[in-house]
Full PDB file with SEQRES, HELIX, SHEET, SSBOND, CRYST1, ORIGX, SCALE, CONECT and MASTER records, all heavy atoms in Angstrom:
SEQRES   1 A   37  LYS ASN GLU TYR GLU TYR THR LEU VAL SER ALA ALA ASP          
SEQRES   2 A   37  GLU VAL THR GLY SER LEU VAL ASN GLY ASP LEU ASP LEU          
SEQRES   3 A   37  ALA ALA LEU PRO THR ASN VAL ALA ALA THR LEU                  
HELIX    1 AA1 ASP A   13  ASN A   21  1                                   9    
HELIX    2 AA2 THR A   31  THR A   36  1                                   6    
CRYST1    1.000    1.000    1.000  90.00  90.00  90.00 P 1           1          
ORIGX1      1.000000  0.000000  0.000000        0.00000                         
ORIGX2      0.000000  1.000000  0.000000        0.00000                         
ORIGX3      0.000000  0.000000  1.000000        0.00000                         
SCALE1      1.000000  0.000000  0.000000        0.00000                         
SCALE2      0.000000  1.000000  0.000000        0.00000                         
SCALE3      0.000000  0.000000  1.000000        0.00000                         
ATOM      1  N   LYS A   1     -42.725 103.873 225.516  1.00  0.00           N  
ATOM      2  CA  LYS A   1     -42.353 102.617 226.011  1.00  0.00           C  
ATOM      3  C   LYS A   1     -42.139 101.635 224.773  1.00  0.00           C  
ATOM      4  O   LYS A   1     -41.108 100.968 224.671  1.00  0.00           O  
ATOM      5  CB  LYS A   1     -43.205 102.058 227.039  1.00  0.00           C  
ATOM      6  CG  LYS A   1     -43.242 102.778 228.303  1.00  0.00           C  
ATOM      7  CD  LYS A   1     -44.251 102.200 229.304  1.00  0.00           C  
ATOM      8  CE  LYS A   1     -44.199 102.962 230.594  1.00  0.00           C  
ATOM      9  NZ  LYS A   1     -45.185 102.453 231.651  1.00  0.00           N  
ATOM     10  N   ASN A   2     -43.174 101.567 223.992  1.00  0.00           N  
ATOM     11  CA  ASN A   2     -42.998 100.801 222.686  1.00  0.00           C  
ATOM     12  C   ASN A   2     -42.290 101.615 221.744  1.00  0.00           C  
ATOM     13  O   ASN A   2     -42.352 102.843 221.788  1.00  0.00           O  
ATOM     14  CB  ASN A   2     -44.387 100.392 222.218  1.00  0.00           C  
ATOM     15  CG  ASN A   2     -45.124  99.246 223.004  1.00  0.00           C  
ATOM     16  OD1 ASN A   2     -44.380  98.438 223.602  1.00  0.00           O  
ATOM     17  ND2 ASN A   2     -46.352  99.257 222.955  1.00  0.00           N  
ATOM     18  N   GLU A   3     -41.756 100.945 220.726  1.00  0.00           N  
ATOM     19  CA  GLU A   3     -41.194 101.656 219.603  1.00  0.00           C  
ATOM     20  C   GLU A   3     -42.247 101.496 218.445  1.00  0.00           C  
ATOM     21  O   GLU A   3     -42.684 100.351 218.199  1.00  0.00           O  
ATOM     22  CB  GLU A   3     -39.876 101.035 219.181  1.00  0.00           C  
ATOM     23  CG  GLU A   3     -39.324 101.660 217.914  1.00  0.00           C  
ATOM     24  CD  GLU A   3     -38.020 100.998 217.373  1.00  0.00           C  
ATOM     25  OE1 GLU A   3     -37.569 100.169 218.135  1.00  0.00           O  
ATOM     26  OE2 GLU A   3     -37.599 101.382 216.287  1.00  0.00           O  
ATOM     27  N   TYR A   4     -42.608 102.560 217.757  1.00  0.00           N  
ATOM     28  CA  TYR A   4     -43.660 102.555 216.763  1.00  0.00           C  
ATOM     29  C   TYR A   4     -43.071 102.746 215.402  1.00  0.00           C  
ATOM     30  O   TYR A   4     -42.540 103.872 215.106  1.00  0.00           O  
ATOM     31  CB  TYR A   4     -44.785 103.532 217.170  1.00  0.00           C  
ATOM     32  CG  TYR A   4     -45.496 103.131 218.424  1.00  0.00           C  
ATOM     33  CD1 TYR A   4     -45.120 103.706 219.593  1.00  0.00           C  
ATOM     34  CD2 TYR A   4     -46.464 102.195 218.418  1.00  0.00           C  
ATOM     35  CE1 TYR A   4     -45.672 103.421 220.799  1.00  0.00           C  
ATOM     36  CE2 TYR A   4     -47.117 101.848 219.577  1.00  0.00           C  
ATOM     37  CZ  TYR A   4     -46.711 102.464 220.802  1.00  0.00           C  
ATOM     38  OH  TYR A   4     -47.344 102.053 221.988  1.00  0.00           O  
ATOM     39  N   GLU A   5     -43.283 101.758 214.529  1.00  0.00           N  
ATOM     40  CA  GLU A   5     -42.931 101.878 213.119  1.00  0.00           C  
ATOM     41  C   GLU A   5     -44.262 102.186 212.417  1.00  0.00           C  
ATOM     42  O   GLU A   5     -45.081 101.283 212.291  1.00  0.00           O  
ATOM     43  CB  GLU A   5     -42.228 100.605 212.583  1.00  0.00           C  
ATOM     44  CG  GLU A   5     -40.920 100.251 213.177  1.00  0.00           C  
ATOM     45  CD  GLU A   5     -40.325  99.040 212.622  1.00  0.00           C  
ATOM     46  OE1 GLU A   5     -41.052  98.314 211.804  1.00  0.00           O  
ATOM     47  OE2 GLU A   5     -39.208  98.600 213.017  1.00  0.00           O  
ATOM     48  N   TYR A   6     -44.382 103.442 212.015  1.00  0.00           N  
ATOM     49  CA  TYR A   6     -45.718 103.810 211.514  1.00  0.00           C  
ATOM     50  C   TYR A   6     -45.651 104.235 210.012  1.00  0.00           C  
ATOM     51  O   TYR A   6     -44.660 104.733 209.551  1.00  0.00           O  
ATOM     52  CB  TYR A   6     -46.314 104.892 212.344  1.00  0.00           C  
ATOM     53  CG  TYR A   6     -45.533 106.234 212.397  1.00  0.00           C  
ATOM     54  CD1 TYR A   6     -45.675 107.150 211.392  1.00  0.00           C  
ATOM     55  CD2 TYR A   6     -44.534 106.470 213.375  1.00  0.00           C  
ATOM     56  CE1 TYR A   6     -44.994 108.417 211.475  1.00  0.00           C  
ATOM     57  CE2 TYR A   6     -43.841 107.694 213.435  1.00  0.00           C  
ATOM     58  CZ  TYR A   6     -44.056 108.625 212.469  1.00  0.00           C  
ATOM     59  OH  TYR A   6     -43.352 109.824 212.549  1.00  0.00           O  
ATOM     60  N   THR A   7     -46.819 104.056 209.373  1.00  0.00           N  
ATOM     61  CA  THR A   7     -47.000 104.425 207.993  1.00  0.00           C  
ATOM     62  C   THR A   7     -48.280 105.128 207.876  1.00  0.00           C  
ATOM     63  O   THR A   7     -49.328 104.760 208.518  1.00  0.00           O  
ATOM     64  CB  THR A   7     -47.042 103.237 207.063  1.00  0.00           C  
ATOM     65  OG1 THR A   7     -45.826 102.418 207.283  1.00  0.00           O  
ATOM     66  CG2 THR A   7     -47.134 103.562 205.581  1.00  0.00           C  
ATOM     67  N   LEU A   8     -48.334 106.296 207.046  1.00  0.00           N  
ATOM     68  CA  LEU A   8     -49.551 107.004 206.834  1.00  0.00           C  
ATOM     69  C   LEU A   8     -49.842 106.934 205.353  1.00  0.00           C  
ATOM     70  O   LEU A   8     -48.986 107.279 204.549  1.00  0.00           O  
ATOM     71  CB  LEU A   8     -49.419 108.461 207.351  1.00  0.00           C  
ATOM     72  CG  LEU A   8     -49.301 108.570 208.912  1.00  0.00           C  
ATOM     73  CD1 LEU A   8     -48.746 109.934 209.311  1.00  0.00           C  
ATOM     74  CD2 LEU A   8     -50.662 108.393 209.505  1.00  0.00           C  
ATOM     75  N   VAL A   9     -51.111 106.564 205.032  1.00  0.00           N  
ATOM     76  CA  VAL A   9     -51.501 106.392 203.680  1.00  0.00           C  
ATOM     77  C   VAL A   9     -52.772 107.194 203.369  1.00  0.00           C  
ATOM     78  O   VAL A   9     -53.340 107.816 204.282  1.00  0.00           O  
ATOM     79  CB  VAL A   9     -51.732 104.896 203.425  1.00  0.00           C  
ATOM     80  CG1 VAL A   9     -50.401 104.086 203.609  1.00  0.00           C  
ATOM     81  CG2 VAL A   9     -52.814 104.349 204.173  1.00  0.00           C  
ATOM     82  N   SER A  10     -53.190 107.127 202.122  1.00  0.00           N  
ATOM     83  CA  SER A  10     -54.324 107.941 201.769  1.00  0.00           C  
ATOM     84  C   SER A  10     -55.645 107.220 201.699  1.00  0.00           C  
ATOM     85  O   SER A  10     -56.707 107.844 201.769  1.00  0.00           O  
ATOM     86  CB  SER A  10     -54.067 108.486 200.291  1.00  0.00           C  
ATOM     87  OG  SER A  10     -52.931 109.327 200.283  1.00  0.00           O  
ATOM     88  N   ALA A  11     -55.616 105.912 201.630  1.00  0.00           N  
ATOM     89  CA  ALA A  11     -56.841 105.061 201.595  1.00  0.00           C  
ATOM     90  C   ALA A  11     -56.669 103.753 202.317  1.00  0.00           C  
ATOM     91  O   ALA A  11     -55.635 103.235 202.468  1.00  0.00           O  
ATOM     92  CB  ALA A  11     -57.213 104.845 200.080  1.00  0.00           C  
ATOM     93  N   ALA A  12     -57.890 103.192 202.796  1.00  0.00           N  
ATOM     94  CA  ALA A  12     -57.794 102.004 203.534  1.00  0.00           C  
ATOM     95  C   ALA A  12     -57.221 100.848 202.801  1.00  0.00           C  
ATOM     96  O   ALA A  12     -56.579  99.961 203.417  1.00  0.00           O  
ATOM     97  CB  ALA A  12     -59.269 101.653 203.966  1.00  0.00           C  
ATOM     98  N   ASP A  13     -57.517 100.785 201.502  1.00  0.00           N  
ATOM     99  CA  ASP A  13     -57.069  99.569 200.687  1.00  0.00           C  
ATOM    100  C   ASP A  13     -55.509  99.525 200.626  1.00  0.00           C  
ATOM    101  O   ASP A  13     -54.997  98.554 200.223  1.00  0.00           O  
ATOM    102  CB  ASP A  13     -57.724  99.496 199.335  1.00  0.00           C  
ATOM    103  CG  ASP A  13     -57.486 100.741 198.506  1.00  0.00           C  
ATOM    104  OD1 ASP A  13     -56.641 101.576 198.859  1.00  0.00           O  
ATOM    105  OD2 ASP A  13     -58.115 100.849 197.440  1.00  0.00           O  
ATOM    106  N   GLU A  14     -54.849 100.637 200.999  1.00  0.00           N  
ATOM    107  CA  GLU A  14     -53.368 100.646 200.994  1.00  0.00           C  
ATOM    108  C   GLU A  14     -52.759  99.916 202.179  1.00  0.00           C  
ATOM    109  O   GLU A  14     -51.559  99.590 202.219  1.00  0.00           O  
ATOM    110  CB  GLU A  14     -52.891 102.059 200.949  1.00  0.00           C  
ATOM    111  CG  GLU A  14     -53.239 102.787 199.688  1.00  0.00           C  
ATOM    112  CD  GLU A  14     -52.646 104.226 199.686  1.00  0.00           C  
ATOM    113  OE1 GLU A  14     -51.433 104.377 199.730  1.00  0.00           O  
ATOM    114  OE2 GLU A  14     -53.431 105.120 199.590  1.00  0.00           O  
ATOM    115  N   VAL A  15     -53.671  99.627 203.260  1.00  0.00           N  
ATOM    116  CA  VAL A  15     -53.128  98.960 204.381  1.00  0.00           C  
ATOM    117  C   VAL A  15     -53.802  97.653 204.726  1.00  0.00           C  
ATOM    118  O   VAL A  15     -53.196  96.830 205.517  1.00  0.00           O  
ATOM    119  CB  VAL A  15     -53.164  99.879 205.639  1.00  0.00           C  
ATOM    120  CG1 VAL A  15     -52.429 101.138 205.528  1.00  0.00           C  
ATOM    121  CG2 VAL A  15     -54.678 100.229 205.980  1.00  0.00           C  
ATOM    122  N   THR A  16     -54.980  97.354 204.217  1.00  0.00           N  
ATOM    123  CA  THR A  16     -55.730  96.125 204.569  1.00  0.00           C  
ATOM    124  C   THR A  16     -54.859  94.905 204.240  1.00  0.00           C  
ATOM    125  O   THR A  16     -54.864  93.955 205.038  1.00  0.00           O  
ATOM    126  CB  THR A  16     -57.078  96.114 203.912  1.00  0.00           C  
ATOM    127  OG1 THR A  16     -56.959  96.325 202.507  1.00  0.00           O  
ATOM    128  CG2 THR A  16     -57.970  97.172 204.490  1.00  0.00           C  
ATOM    129  N   GLY A  17     -54.260  94.892 203.054  1.00  0.00           N  
ATOM    130  CA  GLY A  17     -53.487  93.665 202.602  1.00  0.00           C  
ATOM    131  C   GLY A  17     -52.354  93.452 203.581  1.00  0.00           C  
ATOM    132  O   GLY A  17     -52.052  92.327 204.020  1.00  0.00           O  
ATOM    133  N   SER A  18     -51.703  94.536 203.906  1.00  0.00           N  
ATOM    134  CA  SER A  18     -50.529  94.413 204.821  1.00  0.00           C  
ATOM    135  C   SER A  18     -50.905  93.974 206.255  1.00  0.00           C  
ATOM    136  O   SER A  18     -50.133  93.230 206.874  1.00  0.00           O  
ATOM    137  CB  SER A  18     -49.744  95.766 204.919  1.00  0.00           C  
ATOM    138  OG  SER A  18     -49.313  96.132 203.717  1.00  0.00           O  
ATOM    139  N   LEU A  19     -51.992  94.404 206.703  1.00  0.00           N  
ATOM    140  CA  LEU A  19     -52.581  93.929 208.029  1.00  0.00           C  
ATOM    141  C   LEU A  19     -52.871  92.458 207.996  1.00  0.00           C  
ATOM    142  O   LEU A  19     -52.458  91.694 208.903  1.00  0.00           O  
ATOM    143  CB  LEU A  19     -53.699  94.743 208.432  1.00  0.00           C  
ATOM    144  CG  LEU A  19     -54.293  94.421 209.786  1.00  0.00           C  
ATOM    145  CD1 LEU A  19     -53.331  94.736 210.904  1.00  0.00           C  
ATOM    146  CD2 LEU A  19     -55.635  95.202 210.022  1.00  0.00           C  
ATOM    147  N   VAL A  20     -53.546  92.038 206.945  1.00  0.00           N  
ATOM    148  CA  VAL A  20     -53.935  90.615 206.917  1.00  0.00           C  
ATOM    149  C   VAL A  20     -52.767  89.690 206.669  1.00  0.00           C  
ATOM    150  O   VAL A  20     -52.668  88.680 207.276  1.00  0.00           O  
ATOM    151  CB  VAL A  20     -54.968  90.435 205.728  1.00  0.00           C  
ATOM    152  CG1 VAL A  20     -55.168  88.931 205.405  1.00  0.00           C  
ATOM    153  CG2 VAL A  20     -56.250  91.090 206.051  1.00  0.00           C  
ATOM    154  N   ASN A  21     -51.754  90.122 205.866  1.00  0.00           N  
ATOM    155  CA  ASN A  21     -50.661  89.227 205.581  1.00  0.00           C  
ATOM    156  C   ASN A  21     -49.481  89.265 206.701  1.00  0.00           C  
ATOM    157  O   ASN A  21     -48.509  88.513 206.538  1.00  0.00           O  
ATOM    158  CB  ASN A  21     -50.100  89.441 204.158  1.00  0.00           C  
ATOM    159  CG  ASN A  21     -49.401  90.706 204.038  1.00  0.00           C  
ATOM    160  OD1 ASN A  21     -48.857  91.324 205.016  1.00  0.00           O  
ATOM    161  ND2 ASN A  21     -49.314  91.244 202.833  1.00  0.00           N  
ATOM    162  N   GLY A  22     -49.665  90.081 207.718  1.00  0.00           N  
ATOM    163  CA  GLY A  22     -48.675  90.137 208.772  1.00  0.00           C  
ATOM    164  C   GLY A  22     -47.597  91.135 208.640  1.00  0.00           C  
ATOM    165  O   GLY A  22     -46.689  91.148 209.469  1.00  0.00           O  
ATOM    166  N   ASP A  23     -47.658  92.049 207.586  1.00  0.00           N  
ATOM    167  CA  ASP A  23     -46.592  93.107 207.520  1.00  0.00           C  
ATOM    168  C   ASP A  23     -46.901  94.257 208.502  1.00  0.00           C  
ATOM    169  O   ASP A  23     -46.039  95.017 208.719  1.00  0.00           O  
ATOM    170  CB  ASP A  23     -46.575  93.621 206.053  1.00  0.00           C  
ATOM    171  CG  ASP A  23     -45.980  92.615 205.091  1.00  0.00           C  
ATOM    172  OD1 ASP A  23     -45.241  91.758 205.550  1.00  0.00           O  
ATOM    173  OD2 ASP A  23     -46.303  92.698 203.922  1.00  0.00           O  
ATOM    174  N   LEU A  24     -48.127  94.251 209.001  1.00  0.00           N  
ATOM    175  CA  LEU A  24     -48.513  95.287 210.072  1.00  0.00           C  
ATOM    176  C   LEU A  24     -49.128  94.471 211.186  1.00  0.00           C  
ATOM    177  O   LEU A  24     -49.699  93.424 211.042  1.00  0.00           O  
ATOM    178  CB  LEU A  24     -49.674  96.200 209.474  1.00  0.00           C  
ATOM    179  CG  LEU A  24     -49.181  97.242 208.376  1.00  0.00           C  
ATOM    180  CD1 LEU A  24     -50.418  97.951 207.870  1.00  0.00           C  
ATOM    181  CD2 LEU A  24     -48.232  98.248 209.008  1.00  0.00           C  
ATOM    182  N   ASP A  25     -49.075  95.143 212.406  1.00  0.00           N  
ATOM    183  CA  ASP A  25     -49.665  94.585 213.567  1.00  0.00           C  
ATOM    184  C   ASP A  25     -50.981  95.280 213.904  1.00  0.00           C  
ATOM    185  O   ASP A  25     -51.959  94.662 214.280  1.00  0.00           O  
ATOM    186  CB  ASP A  25     -48.730  94.821 214.849  1.00  0.00           C  
ATOM    187  CG  ASP A  25     -47.334  94.162 214.556  1.00  0.00           C  
ATOM    188  OD1 ASP A  25     -47.300  93.050 214.052  1.00  0.00           O  
ATOM    189  OD2 ASP A  25     -46.430  94.867 214.844  1.00  0.00           O  
ATOM    190  N   LEU A  26     -51.043  96.614 213.676  1.00  0.00           N  
ATOM    191  CA  LEU A  26     -52.245  97.364 213.925  1.00  0.00           C  
ATOM    192  C   LEU A  26     -52.502  98.333 212.832  1.00  0.00           C  
ATOM    193  O   LEU A  26     -51.604  98.658 212.004  1.00  0.00           O  
ATOM    194  CB  LEU A  26     -52.020  98.244 215.193  1.00  0.00           C  
ATOM    195  CG  LEU A  26     -51.691  97.563 216.534  1.00  0.00           C  
ATOM    196  CD1 LEU A  26     -51.256  98.568 217.540  1.00  0.00           C  
ATOM    197  CD2 LEU A  26     -52.806  96.655 217.030  1.00  0.00           C  
ATOM    198  N   ALA A  27     -53.808  98.764 212.665  1.00  0.00           N  
ATOM    199  CA  ALA A  27     -54.076  99.781 211.651  1.00  0.00           C  
ATOM    200  C   ALA A  27     -55.271 100.550 212.087  1.00  0.00           C  
ATOM    201  O   ALA A  27     -56.247 100.073 212.751  1.00  0.00           O  
ATOM    202  CB  ALA A  27     -54.428  99.126 210.325  1.00  0.00           C  
ATOM    203  N   ALA A  28     -55.277 101.889 211.845  1.00  0.00           N  
ATOM    204  CA  ALA A  28     -56.443 102.729 212.060  1.00  0.00           C  
ATOM    205  C   ALA A  28     -57.264 102.680 210.807  1.00  0.00           C  
ATOM    206  O   ALA A  28     -56.869 103.061 209.692  1.00  0.00           O  
ATOM    207  CB  ALA A  28     -56.005 104.116 212.280  1.00  0.00           C  
ATOM    208  N   LEU A  29     -58.542 102.192 210.926  1.00  0.00           N  
ATOM    209  CA  LEU A  29     -59.364 101.904 209.803  1.00  0.00           C  
ATOM    210  C   LEU A  29     -60.836 102.334 210.092  1.00  0.00           C  
ATOM    211  O   LEU A  29     -61.209 102.462 211.197  1.00  0.00           O  
ATOM    212  CB  LEU A  29     -59.352 100.407 209.498  1.00  0.00           C  
ATOM    213  CG  LEU A  29     -58.099  99.672 209.068  1.00  0.00           C  
ATOM    214  CD1 LEU A  29     -58.298  98.184 209.123  1.00  0.00           C  
ATOM    215  CD2 LEU A  29     -57.651 100.180 207.662  1.00  0.00           C  
ATOM    216  N   PRO A  30     -61.616 102.487 208.979  1.00  0.00           N  
ATOM    217  CA  PRO A  30     -63.044 102.548 209.280  1.00  0.00           C  
ATOM    218  C   PRO A  30     -63.488 101.320 209.839  1.00  0.00           C  
ATOM    219  O   PRO A  30     -63.104 100.180 209.669  1.00  0.00           O  
ATOM    220  CB  PRO A  30     -63.626 102.660 207.796  1.00  0.00           C  
ATOM    221  CG  PRO A  30     -62.496 103.210 206.953  1.00  0.00           C  
ATOM    222  CD  PRO A  30     -61.252 102.669 207.605  1.00  0.00           C  
ATOM    223  N   THR A  31     -64.516 101.508 210.802  1.00  0.00           N  
ATOM    224  CA  THR A  31     -64.954 100.335 211.564  1.00  0.00           C  
ATOM    225  C   THR A  31     -65.514  99.248 210.813  1.00  0.00           C  
ATOM    226  O   THR A  31     -65.301  98.083 211.098  1.00  0.00           O  
ATOM    227  CB  THR A  31     -66.062 100.800 212.596  1.00  0.00           C  
ATOM    228  OG1 THR A  31     -65.522 102.063 213.305  1.00  0.00           O  
ATOM    229  CG2 THR A  31     -66.328  99.820 213.625  1.00  0.00           C  
ATOM    230  N   ASN A  32     -66.293  99.600 209.724  1.00  0.00           N  
ATOM    231  CA  ASN A  32     -66.830  98.582 208.934  1.00  0.00           C  
ATOM    232  C   ASN A  32     -65.837  97.767 208.102  1.00  0.00           C  
ATOM    233  O   ASN A  32     -65.975  96.582 207.735  1.00  0.00           O  
ATOM    234  CB  ASN A  32     -67.911  99.039 207.945  1.00  0.00           C  
ATOM    235  CG  ASN A  32     -67.356 100.019 206.895  1.00  0.00           C  
ATOM    236  OD1 ASN A  32     -66.702 100.975 207.180  1.00  0.00           O  
ATOM    237  ND2 ASN A  32     -67.750  99.703 205.638  1.00  0.00           N  
ATOM    238  N   VAL A  33     -64.696  98.439 207.796  1.00  0.00           N  
ATOM    239  CA  VAL A  33     -63.603  97.740 207.162  1.00  0.00           C  
ATOM    240  C   VAL A  33     -62.958  96.725 208.077  1.00  0.00           C  
ATOM    241  O   VAL A  33     -62.631  95.605 207.636  1.00  0.00           O  
ATOM    242  CB  VAL A  33     -62.486  98.731 206.570  1.00  0.00           C  
ATOM    243  CG1 VAL A  33     -61.335  98.031 206.069  1.00  0.00           C  
ATOM    244  CG2 VAL A  33     -63.145  99.619 205.543  1.00  0.00           C  
ATOM    245  N   ALA A  34     -62.813  97.004 209.303  1.00  0.00           N  
ATOM    246  CA  ALA A  34     -62.272  96.088 210.227  1.00  0.00           C  
ATOM    247  C   ALA A  34     -63.261  94.869 210.366  1.00  0.00           C  
ATOM    248  O   ALA A  34     -62.763  93.782 210.410  1.00  0.00           O  
ATOM    249  CB  ALA A  34     -62.137  96.736 211.645  1.00  0.00           C  
ATOM    250  N   ALA A  35     -64.512  95.078 210.443  1.00  0.00           N  
ATOM    251  CA  ALA A  35     -65.506  93.962 210.430  1.00  0.00           C  
ATOM    252  C   ALA A  35     -65.379  93.174 209.155  1.00  0.00           C  
ATOM    253  O   ALA A  35     -65.506  91.921 209.227  1.00  0.00           O  
ATOM    254  CB  ALA A  35     -66.899  94.548 210.616  1.00  0.00           C  
ATOM    255  N   THR A  36     -65.306  93.772 208.077  1.00  0.00           N  
ATOM    256  CA  THR A  36     -65.151  93.031 206.752  1.00  0.00           C  
ATOM    257  C   THR A  36     -63.945  92.176 206.766  1.00  0.00           C  
ATOM    258  O   THR A  36     -64.001  90.994 206.330  1.00  0.00           O  
ATOM    259  CB  THR A  36     -65.039  94.075 205.632  1.00  0.00           C  
ATOM    260  OG1 THR A  36     -66.231  94.842 205.578  1.00  0.00           O  
ATOM    261  CG2 THR A  36     -64.885  93.345 204.242  1.00  0.00           C  
ATOM    262  N   LEU A  37     -62.796  92.723 207.218  1.00  0.00           N  
ATOM    263  CA  LEU A  37     -61.522  91.894 207.327  1.00  0.00           C  
ATOM    264  C   LEU A  37     -61.714  90.776 208.312  1.00  0.00           C  
ATOM    265  O   LEU A  37     -61.203  89.686 208.074  1.00  0.00           O  
ATOM    266  CB  LEU A  37     -60.342  92.827 207.751  1.00  0.00           C  
ATOM    267  CG  LEU A  37     -59.922  93.824 206.743  1.00  0.00           C  
ATOM    268  CD1 LEU A  37     -58.759  94.689 207.352  1.00  0.00           C  
ATOM    269  CD2 LEU A  37     -59.596  93.309 205.419  1.00  0.00           C  
TER     270      LEU A  37                                                      
MASTER        0    0    0    2    0    0    0    6  269    1    0    3          
END                                                                             
């Protein structure tokens, strides 16, 4: 139903900045990284 624009990376620090600055909506992350953000 939704259209998913997805990216797969090797490490969490490759996506955290994009999630915070609005280039991403969602991210699969270690739980403690989500809490840190």
